[in-house]
Amino acid sequence: MRVSVKLVVFRHPKSTEQSPYCGYSGYCPQLTYFVDNQSSVDDVVSIVKRHLHQELCHRIRYKNLQIRGWEVSENSAIPPIFTDEEVVHLAEQLYEVKIVEPQIIELNVRLPNAQNLW
């Protein structure tokens, strides 16, 4: 089974070429997870994928995903659905900025076995 979530990645508006202190940011509403101050889009994607994998591994032990509206079982994990517009709007609310040129990335991962990583 594959699991898909949406991630909006954007160059933080306070970043500039001379002072990229905020760098790239990202937000995944299905995980209510955000990432800041990364040097590239790939870095944001990698961090969110790692977090998604951990959440999926712990889907039976912890109720984190169910609290966020997921339907989970030993053999499946179905996230809530958001449109691209909703994903951007939620990120704008979280960061309290107007996002220019957002990149919507669909993360599509294989469902790992439910296990306790720690």
PDB file of N, CA and C in Angstrom:
ATOM      1  N   MET A   1       0.847  -1.182   0.000  1.00  0.00           N
ATOM      2  CA  MET A   1       0.000   0.000   0.000  1.00  0.00           C
ATOM      3  C   MET A   1       0.887   1.237   0.000  1.00  0.00           C
ATOM      4  N   ARG A   2       0.454   2.264  -0.736  1.00  0.00           N
ATOM      5  CA  ARG A   2       1.155   3.539  -0.790  1.00  0.00           C
ATOM      6  C   ARG A   2       0.352   4.574  -0.019  1.00  0.00           C
ATOM      7  N   VAL A   3       1.055   5.507   0.601  1.00  0.00           N
ATOM      8  CA  VAL A   3       0.435   6.598   1.347  1.00  0.00           C
ATOM      9  C   VAL A   3       0.903   7.904   0.726  1.00  0.00           C
ATOM     10  N   SER A   4      -0.042   8.807   0.435  1.00  0.00           N
ATOM     11  CA  SER A   4       0.291  10.099  -0.179  1.00  0.00           C
ATOM     12  C   SER A   4      -0.164  11.248   0.709  1.00  0.00           C
ATOM     13  N   VAL A   5       0.727  12.208   0.883  1.00  0.00           N
ATOM     14  CA  VAL A   5       0.399  13.441   1.595  1.00  0.00           C
ATOM     15  C   VAL A   5       0.922  14.610   0.768  1.00  0.00           C
ATOM     16  N   LYS A   6       0.362  15.788   1.013  1.00  0.00           N
ATOM     17  CA  LYS A   6       0.800  16.987   0.302  1.00  0.00           C
ATOM     18  C   LYS A   6       1.684  17.833   1.198  1.00  0.00           C
ATOM     19  N   LEU A   7       2.666  18.432   0.564  1.00  0.00           N
ATOM     20  CA  LEU A   7       3.619  19.292   1.242  1.00  0.00           C
ATOM     21  C   LEU A   7       3.756  20.563   0.427  1.00  0.00           C
ATOM     22  N   VAL A   8       3.614  21.709   1.071  1.00  0.00           N
ATOM     23  CA  VAL A   8       3.869  22.977   0.386  1.00  0.00           C
ATOM     24  C   VAL A   8       5.258  23.436   0.817  1.00  0.00           C
ATOM     25  N   VAL A   9       6.097  23.736  -0.162  1.00  0.00           N
ATOM     26  CA  VAL A   9       7.456  24.210   0.100  1.00  0.00           C
ATOM     27  C   VAL A   9       7.589  25.583  -0.546  1.00  0.00           C
ATOM     28  N   PHE A  10       8.224  26.495   0.164  1.00  0.00           N
ATOM     29  CA  PHE A  10       8.347  27.856  -0.347  1.00  0.00           C
ATOM     30  C   PHE A  10       9.578  28.529   0.239  1.00  0.00           C
ATOM     31  N   ARG A  11      10.042  29.521  -0.493  1.00  0.00           N
ATOM     32  CA  ARG A  11      11.135  30.364  -0.005  1.00  0.00           C
ATOM     33  C   ARG A  11      10.503  31.356   0.957  1.00  0.00           C
ATOM     34  N   HIS A  12      10.965  31.352   2.181  1.00  0.00           N
ATOM     35  CA  HIS A  12      10.357  32.222   3.181  1.00  0.00           C
ATOM     36  C   HIS A  12      10.497  33.673   2.741  1.00  0.00           C
ATOM     37  N   PRO A  13       9.425  34.467   2.834  1.00  0.00           N
ATOM     38  CA  PRO A  13       9.467  35.858   2.358  1.00  0.00           C
ATOM     39  C   PRO A  13      10.519  36.728   3.036  1.00  0.00           C
ATOM     40  N   LYS A  14      10.961  36.372   4.215  1.00  0.00           N
ATOM     41  CA  LYS A  14      11.972  37.175   4.902  1.00  0.00           C
ATOM     42  C   LYS A  14      13.384  36.834   4.440  1.00  0.00           C
ATOM     43  N   SER A  15      13.514  35.820   3.585  1.00  0.00           N
ATOM     44  CA  SER A  15      14.825  35.456   3.051  1.00  0.00           C
ATOM     45  C   SER A  15      15.216  36.395   1.929  1.00  0.00           C
ATOM     46  N   THR A  16      16.484  36.672   1.837  1.00  0.00           N
ATOM     47  CA  THR A  16      17.021  37.425   0.706  1.00  0.00           C
ATOM     48  C   THR A  16      18.318  36.750   0.298  1.00  0.00           C
ATOM     49  N   GLU A  17      18.811  37.105  -0.843  1.00  0.00           N
ATOM     50  CA  GLU A  17      20.084  36.541  -1.283  1.00  0.00           C
ATOM     51  C   GLU A  17      21.213  36.922  -0.318  1.00  0.00           C
ATOM     52  N   GLN A  18      21.151  38.125   0.251  1.00  0.00           N
ATOM     53  CA  GLN A  18      22.193  38.574   1.164  1.00  0.00           C
ATOM     54  C   GLN A  18      22.014  37.979   2.562  1.00  0.00           C
ATOM     55  N   SER A  19      20.785  37.679   2.931  1.00  0.00           N
ATOM     56  CA  SER A  19      20.516  37.186   4.283  1.00  0.00           C
ATOM     57  C   SER A  19      19.474  36.071   4.235  1.00  0.00           C
ATOM     58  N   PRO A  20      19.874  34.866   3.836  1.00  0.00           N
ATOM     59  CA  PRO A  20      18.910  33.777   3.727  1.00  0.00           C
ATOM     60  C   PRO A  20      18.671  33.064   5.071  1.00  0.00           C
ATOM     61  N   TYR A  21      18.472  33.849   6.127  1.00  0.00           N
ATOM     62  CA  TYR A  21      18.365  33.240   7.452  1.00  0.00           C
ATOM     63  C   TYR A  21      17.138  32.354   7.600  1.00  0.00           C
ATOM     64  N   CYS A  22      16.112  32.546   6.806  1.00  0.00           N
ATOM     65  CA  CYS A  22      14.931  31.695   6.906  1.00  0.00           C
ATOM     66  C   CYS A  22      14.964  30.573   5.869  1.00  0.00           C
ATOM     67  N   GLY A  23      15.632  30.780   4.749  1.00  0.00           N
ATOM     68  CA  GLY A  23      15.764  29.744   3.730  1.00  0.00           C
ATOM     69  C   GLY A  23      14.433  29.211   3.253  1.00  0.00           C
ATOM     70  N   TYR A  24      14.379  27.898   3.018  1.00  0.00           N
ATOM     71  CA  TYR A  24      13.162  27.244   2.553  1.00  0.00           C
ATOM     72  C   TYR A  24      12.384  26.699   3.739  1.00  0.00           C
ATOM     73  N   SER A  25      11.068  26.821   3.629  1.00  0.00           N
ATOM     74  CA  SER A  25      10.170  26.314   4.654  1.00  0.00           C
ATOM     75  C   SER A  25       9.185  25.365   3.996  1.00  0.00           C
ATOM     76  N   GLY A  26       8.544  24.541   4.811  1.00  0.00           N
ATOM     77  CA  GLY A  26       7.547  23.623   4.290  1.00  0.00           C
ATOM     78  C   GLY A  26       6.520  23.286   5.351  1.00  0.00           C
ATOM     79  N   TYR A  27       5.331  22.908   4.881  1.00  0.00           N
ATOM     80  CA  TYR A  27       4.258  22.533   5.796  1.00  0.00           C
ATOM     81  C   TYR A  27       3.442  21.406   5.185  1.00  0.00           C
ATOM     82  N   CYS A  28       3.160  20.393   5.994  1.00  0.00           N
ATOM     83  CA  CYS A  28       2.324  19.263   5.591  1.00  0.00           C
ATOM     84  C   CYS A  28       1.114  19.231   6.523  1.00  0.00           C
ATOM     85  N   PRO A  29      -0.074  19.609   6.032  1.00  0.00           N
ATOM     86  CA  PRO A  29      -1.238  19.662   6.912  1.00  0.00           C
ATOM     87  C   PRO A  29      -1.709  18.289   7.387  1.00  0.00           C
ATOM     88  N   GLN A  30      -1.485  17.240   6.617  1.00  0.00           N
ATOM     89  CA  GLN A  30      -1.900  15.907   7.056  1.00  0.00           C
ATOM     90  C   GLN A  30      -1.133  15.466   8.303  1.00  0.00           C
ATOM     91  N   LEU A  31       0.072  15.996   8.466  1.00  0.00           N
ATOM     92  CA  LEU A  31       0.885  15.671   9.641  1.00  0.00           C
ATOM     93  C   LEU A  31       0.912  16.817  10.648  1.00  0.00           C
ATOM     94  N   THR A  32       0.354  17.954  10.274  1.00  0.00           N
ATOM     95  CA  THR A  32       0.502  19.212  11.019  1.00  0.00           C
ATOM     96  C   THR A  32       1.966  19.386  11.418  1.00  0.00           C
ATOM     97  N   TYR A  33       2.827  19.267  10.419  1.00  0.00           N
ATOM     98  CA  TYR A  33       4.269  19.288  10.626  1.00  0.00           C
ATOM     99  C   TYR A  33       4.889  20.352   9.733  1.00  0.00           C
ATOM    100  N   PHE A  34       5.757  21.168  10.312  1.00  0.00           N
ATOM    101  CA  PHE A  34       6.414  22.205   9.515  1.00  0.00           C
ATOM    102  C   PHE A  34       7.926  22.125   9.689  1.00  0.00           C
ATOM    103  N   VAL A  35       8.618  22.631   8.681  1.00  0.00           N
ATOM    104  CA  VAL A  35      10.081  22.631   8.638  1.00  0.00           C
ATOM    105  C   VAL A  35      10.525  24.024   8.242  1.00  0.00           C
ATOM    106  N   ASP A  36      11.536  24.543   8.897  1.00  0.00           N
ATOM    107  CA  ASP A  36      12.054  25.878   8.603  1.00  0.00           C
ATOM    108  C   ASP A  36      13.554  25.846   8.377  1.00  0.00           C
ATOM    109  N   ASN A  37      14.042  26.934   7.787  1.00  0.00           N
ATOM    110  CA  ASN A  37      15.463  27.238   7.697  1.00  0.00           C
ATOM    111  C   ASN A  37      16.287  26.136   7.036  1.00  0.00           C
ATOM    112  N   GLN A  38      15.811  25.647   5.891  1.00  0.00           N
ATOM    113  CA  GLN A  38      16.545  24.638   5.141  1.00  0.00           C
ATOM    114  C   GLN A  38      17.165  25.273   3.906  1.00  0.00           C
ATOM    115  N   SER A  39      18.263  24.716   3.456  1.00  0.00           N
ATOM    116  CA  SER A  39      18.984  25.322   2.339  1.00  0.00           C
ATOM    117  C   SER A  39      18.400  24.959   0.978  1.00  0.00           C
ATOM    118  N   SER A  40      17.532  23.933   0.909  1.00  0.00           N
ATOM    119  CA  SER A  40      16.967  23.545  -0.384  1.00  0.00           C
ATOM    120  C   SER A  40      15.604  22.887  -0.201  1.00  0.00           C
ATOM    121  N   VAL A  41      14.889  22.794  -1.313  1.00  0.00           N
ATOM    122  CA  VAL A  41      13.602  22.103  -1.331  1.00  0.00           C
ATOM    123  C   VAL A  41      13.814  20.636  -0.980  1.00  0.00           C
ATOM    124  N   ASP A  42      14.872  20.047  -1.518  1.00  0.00           N
ATOM    125  CA  ASP A  42      15.164  18.632  -1.244  1.00  0.00           C
ATOM    126  C   ASP A  42      15.368  18.376   0.243  1.00  0.00           C
ATOM    127  N   ASP A  43      15.993  19.317   0.940  1.00  0.00           N
ATOM    128  CA  ASP A  43      16.189  19.158   2.382  1.00  0.00           C
ATOM    129  C   ASP A  43      14.850  19.128   3.109  1.00  0.00           C
ATOM    130  N   VAL A  44      13.934  20.013   2.718  1.00  0.00           N
ATOM    131  CA  VAL A  44      12.603  20.047   3.333  1.00  0.00           C
ATOM    132  C   VAL A  44      11.885  18.723   3.081  1.00  0.00           C
ATOM    133  N   VAL A  45      11.903  18.265   1.837  1.00  0.00           N
ATOM    134  CA  VAL A  45      11.224  17.018   1.473  1.00  0.00           C
ATOM    135  C   VAL A  45      11.799  15.853   2.274  1.00  0.00           C
ATOM    136  N   SER A  46      13.097  15.777   2.380  1.00  0.00           N
ATOM    137  CA  SER A  46      13.750  14.692   3.107  1.00  0.00           C
ATOM    138  C   SER A  46      13.336  14.658   4.584  1.00  0.00           C
ATOM    139  N   ILE A  47      13.292  15.813   5.206  1.00  0.00           N
ATOM    140  CA  ILE A  47      12.915  15.889   6.623  1.00  0.00           C
ATOM    141  C   ILE A  47      11.462  15.464   6.818  1.00  0.00           C
ATOM    142  N   VAL A  48      10.572  15.928   5.954  1.00  0.00           N
ATOM    143  CA  VAL A  48       9.154  15.572   6.088  1.00  0.00           C
ATOM    144  C   VAL A  48       8.944  14.082   5.799  1.00  0.00           C
ATOM    145  N   LYS A  49       9.651  13.532   4.810  1.00  0.00           N
ATOM    146  CA  LYS A  49       9.543  12.098   4.528  1.00  0.00           C
ATOM    147  C   LYS A  49       9.984  11.270   5.731  1.00  0.00           C
ATOM    148  N   ARG A  50      11.057  11.679   6.371  1.00  0.00           N
ATOM    149  CA  ARG A  50      11.546  10.969   7.557  1.00  0.00           C
ATOM    150  C   ARG A  50      10.504  11.008   8.673  1.00  0.00           C
ATOM    151  N   HIS A  51       9.892  12.188   8.871  1.00  0.00           N
ATOM    152  CA  HIS A  51       8.871  12.322   9.904  1.00  0.00           C
ATOM    153  C   HIS A  51       7.634  11.475   9.559  1.00  0.00           C
ATOM    154  N   LEU A  52       7.230  11.494   8.292  1.00  0.00           N
ATOM    155  CA  LEU A  52       6.095  10.689   7.849  1.00  0.00           C
ATOM    156  C   LEU A  52       6.357   9.210   8.113  1.00  0.00           C
ATOM    157  N   HIS A  53       7.544   8.750   7.799  1.00  0.00           N
ATOM    158  CA  HIS A  53       7.893   7.350   8.029  1.00  0.00           C
ATOM    159  C   HIS A  53       7.775   6.998   9.511  1.00  0.00           C
ATOM    160  N   GLN A  54       8.281   7.851  10.380  1.00  0.00           N
ATOM    161  CA  GLN A  54       8.187   7.599  11.818  1.00  0.00           C
ATOM    162  C   GLN A  54       6.736   7.536  12.282  1.00  0.00           C
ATOM    163  N   GLU A  55       5.930   8.489  11.818  1.00  0.00           N
ATOM    164  CA  GLU A  55       4.510   8.499  12.200  1.00  0.00           C
ATOM    165  C   GLU A  55       3.807   7.228  11.721  1.00  0.00           C
ATOM    166  N   LEU A  56       4.120   6.798  10.496  1.00  0.00           N
ATOM    167  CA  LEU A  56       3.490   5.590   9.972  1.00  0.00           C
ATOM    168  C   LEU A  56       3.929   4.340  10.721  1.00  0.00           C
ATOM    169  N   CYS A  57       5.176   4.272  11.105  1.00  0.00           N
ATOM    170  CA  CYS A  57       5.649   3.130  11.891  1.00  0.00           C
ATOM    171  C   CYS A  57       4.936   3.055  13.236  1.00  0.00           C
ATOM    172  N   HIS A  58       4.652   4.197  13.831  1.00  0.00           N
ATOM    173  CA  HIS A  58       4.026   4.262  15.159  1.00  0.00           C
ATOM    174  C   HIS A  58       2.508   4.396  15.100  1.00  0.00           C
ATOM    175  N   ARG A  59       1.912   4.134  13.936  1.00  0.00           N
ATOM    176  CA  ARG A  59       0.478   4.394  13.765  1.00  0.00           C
ATOM    177  C   ARG A  59      -0.412   3.590  14.700  1.00  0.00           C
ATOM    178  N   ILE A  60       0.015   2.448  15.164  1.00  0.00           N
ATOM    179  CA  ILE A  60      -0.783   1.631  16.081  1.00  0.00           C
ATOM    180  C   ILE A  60      -0.486   2.005  17.532  1.00  0.00           C
ATOM    181  N   ARG A  61       0.785   2.236  17.846  1.00  0.00           N
ATOM    182  CA  ARG A  61       1.191   2.520  19.224  1.00  0.00           C
ATOM    183  C   ARG A  61       0.683   3.868  19.727  1.00  0.00           C
ATOM    184  N   TYR A  62       0.761   4.890  18.862  1.00  0.00           N
ATOM    185  CA  TYR A  62       0.343   6.235  19.248  1.00  0.00           C
ATOM    186  C   TYR A  62      -0.867   6.663  18.419  1.00  0.00           C
ATOM    187  N   LYS A  63      -1.633   7.587  18.927  1.00  0.00           N
ATOM    188  CA  LYS A  63      -2.851   8.064  18.256  1.00  0.00           C
ATOM    189  C   LYS A  63      -2.627   9.366  17.486  1.00  0.00           C
ATOM    190  N   ASN A  64      -1.384   9.765  17.263  1.00  0.00           N
ATOM    191  CA  ASN A  64      -1.080  11.033  16.595  1.00  0.00           C
ATOM    192  C   ASN A  64      -1.810  11.186  15.264  1.00  0.00           C
ATOM    193  N   LEU A  65      -1.768  10.165  14.428  1.00  0.00           N
ATOM    194  CA  LEU A  65      -2.392  10.270  13.115  1.00  0.00           C
ATOM    195  C   LEU A  65      -3.913  10.306  13.224  1.00  0.00           C
ATOM    196  N   GLN A  66      -4.477   9.490  14.111  1.00  0.00           N
ATOM    197  CA  GLN A  66      -5.932   9.485  14.278  1.00  0.00           C
ATOM    198  C   GLN A  66      -6.428  10.842  14.762  1.00  0.00           C
ATOM    199  N   ILE A  67      -5.676  11.489  15.644  1.00  0.00           N
ATOM    200  CA  ILE A  67      -6.051  12.814  16.143  1.00  0.00           C
ATOM    201  C   ILE A  67      -6.095  13.812  14.994  1.00  0.00           C
ATOM    202  N   ARG A  68      -5.259  13.597  13.984  1.00  0.00           N
ATOM    203  CA  ARG A  68      -5.203  14.491  12.817  1.00  0.00           C
ATOM    204  C   ARG A  68      -6.170  14.086  11.707  1.00  0.00           C
ATOM    205  N   GLY A  69      -7.041  13.118  11.981  1.00  0.00           N
ATOM    206  CA  GLY A  69      -8.067  12.744  11.010  1.00  0.00           C
ATOM    207  C   GLY A  69      -7.744  11.556  10.122  1.00  0.00           C
ATOM    208  N   TRP A  70      -6.656  10.859  10.388  1.00  0.00           N
ATOM    209  CA  TRP A  70      -6.290   9.687   9.607  1.00  0.00           C
ATOM    210  C   TRP A  70      -7.135   8.491  10.030  1.00  0.00           C
ATOM    211  N   GLU A  71      -7.349   7.574   9.090  1.00  0.00           N
ATOM    212  CA  GLU A  71      -7.923   6.267   9.396  1.00  0.00           C
ATOM    213  C   GLU A  71      -6.774   5.276   9.301  1.00  0.00           C
ATOM    214  N   VAL A  72      -6.437   4.634  10.425  1.00  0.00           N
ATOM    215  CA  VAL A  72      -5.291   3.735  10.425  1.00  0.00           C
ATOM    216  C   VAL A  72      -5.661   2.358  10.964  1.00  0.00           C
ATOM    217  N   SER A  73      -4.929   1.391  10.485  1.00  0.00           N
ATOM    218  CA  SER A  73      -5.029   0.022  10.983  1.00  0.00           C
ATOM    219  C   SER A  73      -3.658  -0.619  10.800  1.00  0.00           C
ATOM    220  N   GLU A  74      -3.562  -1.866  11.126  1.00  0.00           N
ATOM    221  CA  GLU A  74      -2.297  -2.590  10.963  1.00  0.00           C
ATOM    222  C   GLU A  74      -1.839  -2.566   9.501  1.00  0.00           C
ATOM    223  N   ASN A  75      -2.798  -2.625   8.568  1.00  0.00           N
ATOM    224  CA  ASN A  75      -2.457  -2.755   7.145  1.00  0.00           C
ATOM    225  C   ASN A  75      -2.760  -1.533   6.293  1.00  0.00           C
ATOM    226  N   SER A  76      -3.184  -0.416   6.902  1.00  0.00           N
ATOM    227  CA  SER A  76      -3.486   0.754   6.083  1.00  0.00           C
ATOM    228  C   SER A  76      -3.350   2.046   6.880  1.00  0.00           C
ATOM    229  N   ALA A  77      -3.209   3.118   6.129  1.00  0.00           N
ATOM    230  CA  ALA A  77      -3.167   4.462   6.710  1.00  0.00           C
ATOM    231  C   ALA A  77      -3.718   5.409   5.643  1.00  0.00           C
ATOM    232  N   ILE A  78      -4.883   5.975   5.928  1.00  0.00           N
ATOM    233  CA  ILE A  78      -5.540   6.850   4.963  1.00  0.00           C
ATOM    234  C   ILE A  78      -5.589   8.260   5.549  1.00  0.00           C
ATOM    235  N   PRO A  79      -4.854   9.190   4.916  1.00  0.00           N
ATOM    236  CA  PRO A  79      -4.810  10.560   5.444  1.00  0.00           C
ATOM    237  C   PRO A  79      -6.039  11.367   5.039  1.00  0.00           C
ATOM    238  N   PRO A  80      -6.307  12.447   5.753  1.00  0.00           N
ATOM    239  CA  PRO A  80      -7.353  13.365   5.303  1.00  0.00           C
ATOM    240  C   PRO A  80      -6.907  14.004   3.991  1.00  0.00           C
ATOM    241  N   ILE A  81      -7.865  14.468   3.214  1.00  0.00           N
ATOM    242  CA  ILE A  81      -7.569  15.030   1.893  1.00  0.00           C
ATOM    243  C   ILE A  81      -7.662  16.551   1.948  1.00  0.00           C
ATOM    244  N   PHE A  82      -6.666  17.216   1.350  1.00  0.00           N
ATOM    245  CA  PHE A  82      -6.638  18.667   1.242  1.00  0.00           C
ATOM    246  C   PHE A  82      -6.408  19.031  -0.213  1.00  0.00           C
ATOM    247  N   THR A  83      -7.077  20.079  -0.671  1.00  0.00           N
ATOM    248  CA  THR A  83      -6.794  20.596  -2.011  1.00  0.00           C
ATOM    249  C   THR A  83      -5.485  21.376  -1.956  1.00  0.00           C
ATOM    250  N   ASP A  84      -4.918  21.658  -3.120  1.00  0.00           N
ATOM    251  CA  ASP A  84      -3.694  22.465  -3.177  1.00  0.00           C
ATOM    252  C   ASP A  84      -3.929  23.836  -2.551  1.00  0.00           C
ATOM    253  N   GLU A  85      -5.087  24.412  -2.832  1.00  0.00           N
ATOM    254  CA  GLU A  85      -5.403  25.737  -2.287  1.00  0.00           C
ATOM    255  C   GLU A  85      -5.475  25.707  -0.764  1.00  0.00           C
ATOM    256  N   GLU A  86      -6.067  24.650  -0.216  1.00  0.00           N
ATOM    257  CA  GLU A  86      -6.151  24.526   1.243  1.00  0.00           C
ATOM    258  C   GLU A  86      -4.769  24.382   1.871  1.00  0.00           C
ATOM    259  N   VAL A  87      -3.906  23.610   1.224  1.00  0.00           N
ATOM    260  CA  VAL A  87      -2.551  23.403   1.740  1.00  0.00           C
ATOM    261  C   VAL A  87      -1.809  24.738   1.824  1.00  0.00           C
ATOM    262  N   VAL A  88      -1.889  25.537   0.776  1.00  0.00           N
ATOM    263  CA  VAL A  88      -1.218  26.840   0.759  1.00  0.00           C
ATOM    264  C   VAL A  88      -1.850  27.767   1.791  1.00  0.00           C
ATOM    265  N   HIS A  89      -3.175  27.795   1.840  1.00  0.00           N
ATOM    266  CA  HIS A  89      -3.875  28.672   2.791  1.00  0.00           C
ATOM    267  C   HIS A  89      -3.499  28.326   4.234  1.00  0.00           C
ATOM    268  N   LEU A  90      -3.455  27.048   4.564  1.00  0.00           N
ATOM    269  CA  LEU A  90      -3.093  26.641   5.930  1.00  0.00           C
ATOM    270  C   LEU A  90      -1.654  27.023   6.268  1.00  0.00           C
ATOM    271  N   ALA A  91      -0.756  26.893   5.289  1.00  0.00           N
ATOM    272  CA  ALA A  91       0.636  27.302   5.505  1.00  0.00           C
ATOM    273  C   ALA A  91       0.729  28.808   5.705  1.00  0.00           C
ATOM    274  N   GLU A  92      -0.027  29.568   4.932  1.00  0.00           N
ATOM    275  CA  GLU A  92      -0.026  31.024   5.092  1.00  0.00           C
ATOM    276  C   GLU A  92      -0.545  31.425   6.470  1.00  0.00           C
ATOM    277  N   GLN A  93      -1.562  30.734   6.957  1.00  0.00           N
ATOM    278  CA  GLN A  93      -2.075  31.023   8.296  1.00  0.00           C
ATOM    279  C   GLN A  93      -1.032  30.692   9.358  1.00  0.00           C
ATOM    280  N   LEU A  94      -0.372  29.564   9.215  1.00  0.00           N
ATOM    281  CA  LEU A  94       0.635  29.145  10.186  1.00  0.00           C
ATOM    282  C   LEU A  94       1.801  30.128  10.240  1.00  0.00           C
ATOM    283  N   TYR A  95       2.306  30.508   9.069  1.00  0.00           N
ATOM    284  CA  TYR A  95       3.478  31.377   9.009  1.00  0.00           C
ATOM    285  C   TYR A  95       3.143  32.860   9.062  1.00  0.00           C
ATOM    286  N   GLU A  96       1.859  33.188   8.936  1.00  0.00           N
ATOM    287  CA  GLU A  96       1.407  34.575   8.921  1.00  0.00           C
ATOM    288  C   GLU A  96       2.125  35.392   7.855  1.00  0.00           C
ATOM    289  N   VAL A  97       2.206  34.813   6.647  1.00  0.00           N
ATOM    290  CA  VAL A  97       2.818  35.470   5.491  1.00  0.00           C
ATOM    291  C   VAL A  97       2.013  35.132   4.238  1.00  0.00           C
ATOM    292  N   LYS A  98       2.215  35.909   3.206  1.00  0.00           N
ATOM    293  CA  LYS A  98       1.665  35.597   1.892  1.00  0.00           C
ATOM    294  C   LYS A  98       2.734  34.797   1.156  1.00  0.00           C
ATOM    295  N   ILE A  99       2.411  33.577   0.782  1.00  0.00           N
ATOM    296  CA  ILE A  99       3.376  32.705   0.117  1.00  0.00           C
ATOM    297  C   ILE A  99       3.363  32.987  -1.385  1.00  0.00           C
ATOM    298  N   VAL A 100       4.532  33.302  -1.914  1.00  0.00           N
ATOM    299  CA  VAL A 100       4.705  33.570  -3.334  1.00  0.00           C
ATOM    300  C   VAL A 100       5.394  32.355  -3.952  1.00  0.00           C
ATOM    301  N   GLU A 101       4.883  31.908  -5.071  1.00  0.00           N
ATOM    302  CA  GLU A 101       5.438  30.768  -5.805  1.00  0.00           C
ATOM    303  C   GLU A 101       5.582  29.513  -4.937  1.00  0.00           C
ATOM    304  N   PRO A 102       4.492  29.045  -4.328  1.00  0.00           N
ATOM    305  CA  PRO A 102       4.572  27.813  -3.544  1.00  0.00           C
ATOM    306  C   PRO A 102       4.767  26.600  -4.452  1.00  0.00           C
ATOM    307  N   GLN A 103       5.464  25.624  -3.947  1.00  0.00           N
ATOM    308  CA  GLN A 103       5.607  24.354  -4.654  1.00  0.00           C
ATOM    309  C   GLN A 103       4.801  23.321  -3.877  1.00  0.00           C
ATOM    310  N   ILE A 104       3.825  22.706  -4.535  1.00  0.00           N
ATOM    311  CA  ILE A 104       3.048  21.650  -3.907  1.00  0.00           C
ATOM    312  C   ILE A 104       3.688  20.332  -4.332  1.00  0.00           C
ATOM    313  N   ILE A 105       4.144  19.584  -3.350  1.00  0.00           N
ATOM    314  CA  ILE A 105       4.825  18.325  -3.623  1.00  0.00           C
ATOM    315  C   ILE A 105       4.020  17.207  -2.982  1.00  0.00           C
ATOM    316  N   GLU A 106       3.717  16.187  -3.765  1.00  0.00           N
ATOM    317  CA  GLU A 106       3.013  15.038  -3.225  1.00  0.00           C
ATOM    318  C   GLU A 106       4.049  13.994  -2.828  1.00  0.00           C
ATOM    319  N   LEU A 107       4.084  13.697  -1.542  1.00  0.00           N
ATOM    320  CA  LEU A 107       4.975  12.658  -1.045  1.00  0.00           C
ATOM    321  C   LEU A 107       4.210  11.346  -1.096  1.00  0.00           C
ATOM    322  N   ASN A 108       4.764  10.388  -1.766  1.00  0.00           N
ATOM    323  CA  ASN A 108       4.124   9.103  -1.962  1.00  0.00           C
ATOM    324  C   ASN A 108       5.083   8.038  -1.453  1.00  0.00           C
ATOM    325  N   VAL A 109       4.742   7.430  -0.322  1.00  0.00           N
ATOM    326  CA  VAL A 109       5.650   6.460   0.305  1.00  0.00           C
ATOM    327  C   VAL A 109       4.954   5.117   0.499  1.00  0.00           C
ATOM    328  N   ARG A 110       5.751   4.085   0.571  1.00  0.00           N
ATOM    329  CA  ARG A 110       5.232   2.742   0.868  1.00  0.00           C
ATOM    330  C   ARG A 110       4.903   2.672   2.351  1.00  0.00           C
ATOM    331  N   LEU A 111       3.772   2.078   2.687  1.00  0.00           N
ATOM    332  CA  LEU A 111       3.376   1.933   4.080  1.00  0.00           C
ATOM    333  C   LEU A 111       4.314   0.943   4.774  1.00  0.00           C
ATOM    334  N   PRO A 112       5.068   1.409   5.785  1.00  0.00           N
ATOM    335  CA  PRO A 112       5.953   0.484   6.495  1.00  0.00           C
ATOM    336  C   PRO A 112       5.152  -0.389   7.468  1.00  0.00           C
ATOM    337  N   ASN A 113       5.773  -1.454   7.908  1.00  0.00           N
ATOM    338  CA  ASN A 113       5.146  -2.263   8.948  1.00  0.00           C
ATOM    339  C   ASN A 113       4.999  -1.443  10.208  1.00  0.00           C
ATOM    340  N   ALA A 114       3.897  -1.641  10.907  1.00  0.00           N
ATOM    341  CA  ALA A 114       3.718  -0.959  12.182  1.00  0.00           C
ATOM    342  C   ALA A 114       4.736  -1.530  13.166  1.00  0.00           C
ATOM    343  N   GLN A 115       5.487  -0.637  13.800  1.00  0.00           N
ATOM    344  CA  GLN A 115       6.536  -1.070  14.733  1.00  0.00           C
ATOM    345  C   GLN A 115       6.856   0.057  15.701  1.00  0.00           C
ATOM    346  N   ASN A 116       7.576  -0.267  16.724  1.00  0.00           N
ATOM    347  CA  ASN A 116       8.031   0.730  17.694  1.00  0.00           C
ATOM    348  C   ASN A 116       9.483   1.062  17.383  1.00  0.00           C
ATOM    349  N   LEU A 117       9.739   2.274  16.913  1.00  0.00           N
ATOM    350  CA  LEU A 117      11.109   2.667  16.588  1.00  0.00           C
ATOM    351  C   LEU A 117      11.900   3.040  17.828  1.00  0.00           C
ATOM    352  N   TRP A 118      11.221   3.415  18.899  1.00  0.00           N
ATOM    353  CA  TRP A 118      11.898   3.742  20.147  1.00  0.00           C
ATOM    354  C   TRP A 118      11.026   3.353  21.307  1.00  0.00           C
TER     355      TRP A 118
END
